[in-house]
Amino acid sequence: MLKELSKQIFETIPPAMRIVRNEMRAAAKSSLTVPQFRVLANLNRGLKHITEISENLGVSQPAMSRLVEGLAKRNLIERTPSLVDRRSITLELTFEGRKLFNKVKRSASKQFESKLSNLTKEELAELLSSLSCIENIFNRFKDSEKS
């Protein structure tokens, strides 16, 4: 059972993420790339440093630095050097960055809602329950990684 479950996770999650990325890409159109949106999403969730965002997204620090530089030039994020350690920089969404992030997220959610509208009430309830279960389990995995 564990082998089948593990296989199903690896066969389901990546294609699902591709669909989500396509929705995000369509919603962002030319305003943001998917990697840029993911950086903004990480900042919105409370991550503040290039190192933790690059680790979370599986991107090298030099690539992340280039992404951050581009977002800063567009006034979507603000970089603040630490007063204690000049090598440490704190990142934050600017008002414009938060506004754009929320606009793209709302647009993608609306597009996704139209796709979900074809499901029955039972399918919607089952999907919601399943996603809640998956979220709880993966949060436990994440918590155990921190220990």
C-alpha atoms as a PDB file:
ATOM      1  CA  MET A   1       0.000   0.000   0.000  1.00  0.00           C
ATOM      2  CA  LEU A   2       2.804   2.443   0.848  1.00  0.00           C
ATOM      3  CA  LYS A   3       4.523   1.767  -2.463  1.00  0.00           C
ATOM      4  CA  GLU A   4       1.311   2.441  -4.409  1.00  0.00           C
ATOM      5  CA  LEU A   5       0.557   5.568  -2.381  1.00  0.00           C
ATOM      6  CA  SER A   6       4.057   6.936  -2.925  1.00  0.00           C
ATOM      7  CA  LYS A   7       3.779   6.208  -6.654  1.00  0.00           C
ATOM      8  CA  GLN A   8       0.364   7.932  -6.818  1.00  0.00           C
ATOM      9  CA  ILE A   9       1.722  11.047  -5.099  1.00  0.00           C
ATOM     10  CA  PHE A  10       4.544  11.334  -7.632  1.00  0.00           C
ATOM     11  CA  GLU A  11       2.148  10.736 -10.521  1.00  0.00           C
ATOM     12  CA  THR A  12      -0.464  13.236  -9.292  1.00  0.00           C
ATOM     13  CA  ILE A  13       1.271  16.203  -7.670  1.00  0.00           C
ATOM     14  CA  PRO A  14       3.666  17.234 -10.500  1.00  0.00           C
ATOM     15  CA  PRO A  15       0.944  17.292 -13.207  1.00  0.00           C
ATOM     16  CA  ALA A  16      -1.347  19.164 -10.799  1.00  0.00           C
ATOM     17  CA  MET A  17       1.404  21.725 -10.208  1.00  0.00           C
ATOM     18  CA  ARG A  18       1.853  22.115 -13.986  1.00  0.00           C
ATOM     19  CA  ILE A  19      -1.842  22.986 -14.268  1.00  0.00           C
ATOM     20  CA  VAL A  20      -1.535  25.500 -11.420  1.00  0.00           C
ATOM     21  CA  ARG A  21       1.575  27.035 -13.047  1.00  0.00           C
ATOM     22  CA  ASN A  22      -0.271  27.325 -16.375  1.00  0.00           C
ATOM     23  CA  GLU A  23      -3.139  29.121 -14.635  1.00  0.00           C
ATOM     24  CA  MET A  24      -0.683  31.453 -12.906  1.00  0.00           C
ATOM     25  CA  ARG A  25       1.160  32.088 -16.165  1.00  0.00           C
ATOM     26  CA  ALA A  26      -2.096  32.912 -17.964  1.00  0.00           C
ATOM     27  CA  ALA A  27      -3.224  35.182 -15.118  1.00  0.00           C
ATOM     28  CA  ALA A  28       0.113  37.004 -14.959  1.00  0.00           C
ATOM     29  CA  LYS A  29       0.281  37.319 -18.736  1.00  0.00           C
ATOM     30  CA  SER A  30       3.223  39.628 -19.341  1.00  0.00           C
ATOM     31  CA  SER A  31       3.325  41.191 -15.865  1.00  0.00           C
ATOM     32  CA  LEU A  32       5.210  38.368 -14.074  1.00  0.00           C
ATOM     33  CA  THR A  33       6.975  35.148 -14.901  1.00  0.00           C
ATOM     34  CA  VAL A  34       6.075  32.089 -12.822  1.00  0.00           C
ATOM     35  CA  PRO A  35       9.426  32.228 -10.934  1.00  0.00           C
ATOM     36  CA  GLN A  36       8.846  35.923 -10.161  1.00  0.00           C
ATOM     37  CA  PHE A  37       5.337  35.139  -8.920  1.00  0.00           C
ATOM     38  CA  ARG A  38       6.714  32.343  -6.735  1.00  0.00           C
ATOM     39  CA  VAL A  39       9.223  34.754  -5.164  1.00  0.00           C
ATOM     40  CA  LEU A  40       6.421  37.214  -4.409  1.00  0.00           C
ATOM     41  CA  ALA A  41       4.313  34.356  -2.998  1.00  0.00           C
ATOM     42  CA  ASN A  42       7.147  33.314  -0.674  1.00  0.00           C
ATOM     43  CA  LEU A  43       7.557  36.891   0.533  1.00  0.00           C
ATOM     44  CA  ASN A  44       3.808  37.116   1.043  1.00  0.00           C
ATOM     45  CA  ARG A  45       3.969  33.965   3.204  1.00  0.00           C
ATOM     46  CA  GLY A  46       6.607  35.573   5.418  1.00  0.00           C
ATOM     47  CA  LEU A  47       9.945  34.363   4.080  1.00  0.00           C
ATOM     48  CA  LYS A  48      12.388  37.273   4.174  1.00  0.00           C
ATOM     49  CA  HIS A  49      15.819  36.159   2.936  1.00  0.00           C
ATOM     50  CA  ILE A  50      17.239  35.107  -0.427  1.00  0.00           C
ATOM     51  CA  THR A  51      18.726  31.952   1.117  1.00  0.00           C
ATOM     52  CA  GLU A  52      15.441  30.617   2.481  1.00  0.00           C
ATOM     53  CA  ILE A  53      13.488  31.494  -0.666  1.00  0.00           C
ATOM     54  CA  SER A  54      16.088  29.920  -2.960  1.00  0.00           C
ATOM     55  CA  GLU A  55      16.063  26.758  -0.817  1.00  0.00           C
ATOM     56  CA  ASN A  56      12.268  26.677  -0.784  1.00  0.00           C
ATOM     57  CA  LEU A  57      12.044  27.042  -4.567  1.00  0.00           C
ATOM     58  CA  GLY A  58      15.023  24.834  -5.387  1.00  0.00           C
ATOM     59  CA  VAL A  59      16.834  27.652  -7.190  1.00  0.00           C
ATOM     60  CA  SER A  60      20.499  28.576  -6.853  1.00  0.00           C
ATOM     61  CA  GLN A  61      21.317  31.697  -4.855  1.00  0.00           C
ATOM     62  CA  PRO A  62      22.849  33.475  -7.875  1.00  0.00           C
ATOM     63  CA  ALA A  63      19.672  32.810  -9.902  1.00  0.00           C
ATOM     64  CA  MET A  64      17.563  33.991  -6.976  1.00  0.00           C
ATOM     65  CA  SER A  65      19.680  37.134  -6.660  1.00  0.00           C
ATOM     66  CA  ARG A  66      18.985  37.925 -10.333  1.00  0.00           C
ATOM     67  CA  LEU A  67      15.247  37.397  -9.803  1.00  0.00           C
ATOM     68  CA  VAL A  68      15.298  39.638  -6.729  1.00  0.00           C
ATOM     69  CA  GLU A  69      17.259  42.305  -8.588  1.00  0.00           C
ATOM     70  CA  GLY A  70      14.685  42.386 -11.381  1.00  0.00           C
ATOM     71  CA  LEU A  71      11.787  42.579  -8.933  1.00  0.00           C
ATOM     72  CA  ALA A  72      13.515  45.356  -6.974  1.00  0.00           C
ATOM     73  CA  LYS A  73      14.106  47.372 -10.171  1.00  0.00           C
ATOM     74  CA  ARG A  74      10.361  47.130 -10.849  1.00  0.00           C
ATOM     75  CA  ASN A  75       9.650  48.367  -7.300  1.00  0.00           C
ATOM     76  CA  LEU A  76       7.833  45.134  -6.432  1.00  0.00           C
ATOM     77  CA  ILE A  77      10.144  44.256  -3.549  1.00  0.00           C
ATOM     78  CA  GLU A  78      12.339  46.231  -1.225  1.00  0.00           C
ATOM     79  CA  ARG A  79      15.760  45.128  -0.004  1.00  0.00           C
ATOM     80  CA  THR A  80      16.890  46.316   3.422  1.00  0.00           C
ATOM     81  CA  PRO A  81      20.438  45.591   4.630  1.00  0.00           C
ATOM     82  CA  SER A  82      20.738  44.336   8.206  1.00  0.00           C
ATOM     83  CA  LEU A  83      22.165  46.806  10.692  1.00  0.00           C
ATOM     84  CA  VAL A  84      24.001  43.948  12.409  1.00  0.00           C
ATOM     85  CA  ASP A  85      25.350  42.006   9.402  1.00  0.00           C
ATOM     86  CA  ARG A  86      25.763  43.987   6.173  1.00  0.00           C
ATOM     87  CA  ARG A  87      25.832  40.737   4.178  1.00  0.00           C
ATOM     88  CA  SER A  88      22.295  39.929   5.330  1.00  0.00           C
ATOM     89  CA  ILE A  89      19.470  41.550   3.401  1.00  0.00           C
ATOM     90  CA  THR A  90      15.812  41.435   4.356  1.00  0.00           C
ATOM     91  CA  LEU A  91      13.289  41.330   1.516  1.00  0.00           C
ATOM     92  CA  GLU A  92       9.745  42.670   1.670  1.00  0.00           C
ATOM     93  CA  LEU A  93       6.925  43.199  -0.766  1.00  0.00           C
ATOM     94  CA  THR A  94       6.287  46.835  -1.613  1.00  0.00           C
ATOM     95  CA  PHE A  95       2.738  48.148  -1.848  1.00  0.00           C
ATOM     96  CA  GLU A  96       2.959  47.718  -5.642  1.00  0.00           C
ATOM     97  CA  GLY A  97       4.356  44.196  -5.261  1.00  0.00           C
ATOM     98  CA  ARG A  98       1.574  43.138  -2.898  1.00  0.00           C
ATOM     99  CA  LYS A  99      -1.035  44.713  -5.180  1.00  0.00           C
ATOM    100  CA  LEU A 100       0.274  42.887  -8.276  1.00  0.00           C
ATOM    101  CA  PHE A 101       0.648  39.595  -6.400  1.00  0.00           C
ATOM    102  CA  ASN A 102      -2.941  39.757  -5.131  1.00  0.00           C
ATOM    103  CA  LYS A 103      -4.269  40.739  -8.570  1.00  0.00           C
ATOM    104  CA  VAL A 104      -2.569  37.785 -10.285  1.00  0.00           C
ATOM    105  CA  LYS A 105      -3.621  35.391  -7.527  1.00  0.00           C
ATOM    106  CA  ARG A 106      -7.266  36.523  -7.729  1.00  0.00           C
ATOM    107  CA  SER A 107      -7.257  36.223 -11.510  1.00  0.00           C
ATOM    108  CA  ALA A 108      -5.787  32.705 -11.432  1.00  0.00           C
ATOM    109  CA  SER A 109      -8.272  31.679  -8.736  1.00  0.00           C
ATOM    110  CA  LYS A 110     -11.180  32.900 -10.863  1.00  0.00           C
ATOM    111  CA  GLN A 111      -9.905  30.937 -13.860  1.00  0.00           C
ATOM    112  CA  PHE A 112      -9.566  27.856 -11.685  1.00  0.00           C
ATOM    113  CA  GLU A 113     -13.060  28.340 -10.246  1.00  0.00           C
ATOM    114  CA  SER A 114     -14.514  28.171 -13.750  1.00  0.00           C
ATOM    115  CA  LYS A 115     -12.791  24.817 -14.306  1.00  0.00           C
ATOM    116  CA  LEU A 116     -14.001  23.518 -10.955  1.00  0.00           C
ATOM    117  CA  SER A 117     -17.568  24.595 -11.717  1.00  0.00           C
ATOM    118  CA  ASN A 118     -17.959  21.508 -13.920  1.00  0.00           C
ATOM    119  CA  LEU A 119     -17.585  19.182 -10.925  1.00  0.00           C
ATOM    120  CA  THR A 120     -20.523  17.795  -8.973  1.00  0.00           C
ATOM    121  CA  LYS A 121     -21.129  18.906  -5.387  1.00  0.00           C
ATOM    122  CA  GLU A 122     -19.947  15.492  -4.234  1.00  0.00           C
ATOM    123  CA  GLU A 123     -16.725  15.752  -6.252  1.00  0.00           C
ATOM    124  CA  LEU A 124     -16.108  19.262  -4.908  1.00  0.00           C
ATOM    125  CA  ALA A 125     -16.634  18.096  -1.315  1.00  0.00           C
ATOM    126  CA  GLU A 126     -14.365  15.090  -1.837  1.00  0.00           C
ATOM    127  CA  LEU A 127     -11.665  17.225  -3.465  1.00  0.00           C
ATOM    128  CA  LEU A 128     -11.804  19.793  -0.661  1.00  0.00           C
ATOM    129  CA  SER A 129     -11.579  17.073   1.975  1.00  0.00           C
ATOM    130  CA  SER A 130      -8.706  15.354   0.142  1.00  0.00           C
ATOM    131  CA  LEU A 131      -6.768  18.593  -0.260  1.00  0.00           C
ATOM    132  CA  SER A 132      -7.201  19.395   3.437  1.00  0.00           C
ATOM    133  CA  CYS A 133      -5.885  15.947   4.293  1.00  0.00           C
ATOM    134  CA  ILE A 134      -2.915  16.358   1.930  1.00  0.00           C
ATOM    135  CA  GLU A 135      -2.153  19.785   3.403  1.00  0.00           C
ATOM    136  CA  ASN A 136      -2.179  18.414   6.957  1.00  0.00           C
ATOM    137  CA  ILE A 137       0.072  15.488   6.066  1.00  0.00           C
ATOM    138  CA  PHE A 138       2.568  17.589   4.116  1.00  0.00           C
ATOM    139  CA  ASN A 139       2.657  20.160   6.923  1.00  0.00           C
ATOM    140  CA  ARG A 140       3.646  17.336   9.266  1.00  0.00           C
ATOM    141  CA  PHE A 141       6.426  16.362   6.825  1.00  0.00           C
ATOM    142  CA  LYS A 142       7.575  19.982   6.759  1.00  0.00           C
ATOM    143  CA  ASP A 143       7.502  20.214  10.552  1.00  0.00           C
ATOM    144  CA  SER A 144       9.567  17.021  10.884  1.00  0.00           C
ATOM    145  CA  GLU A 145      12.197  18.456   8.483  1.00  0.00           C
ATOM    146  CA  LYS A 146      12.693  21.411  10.831  1.00  0.00           C
ATOM    147  CA  SER A 147      13.411  19.129  13.795  1.00  0.00           C
END
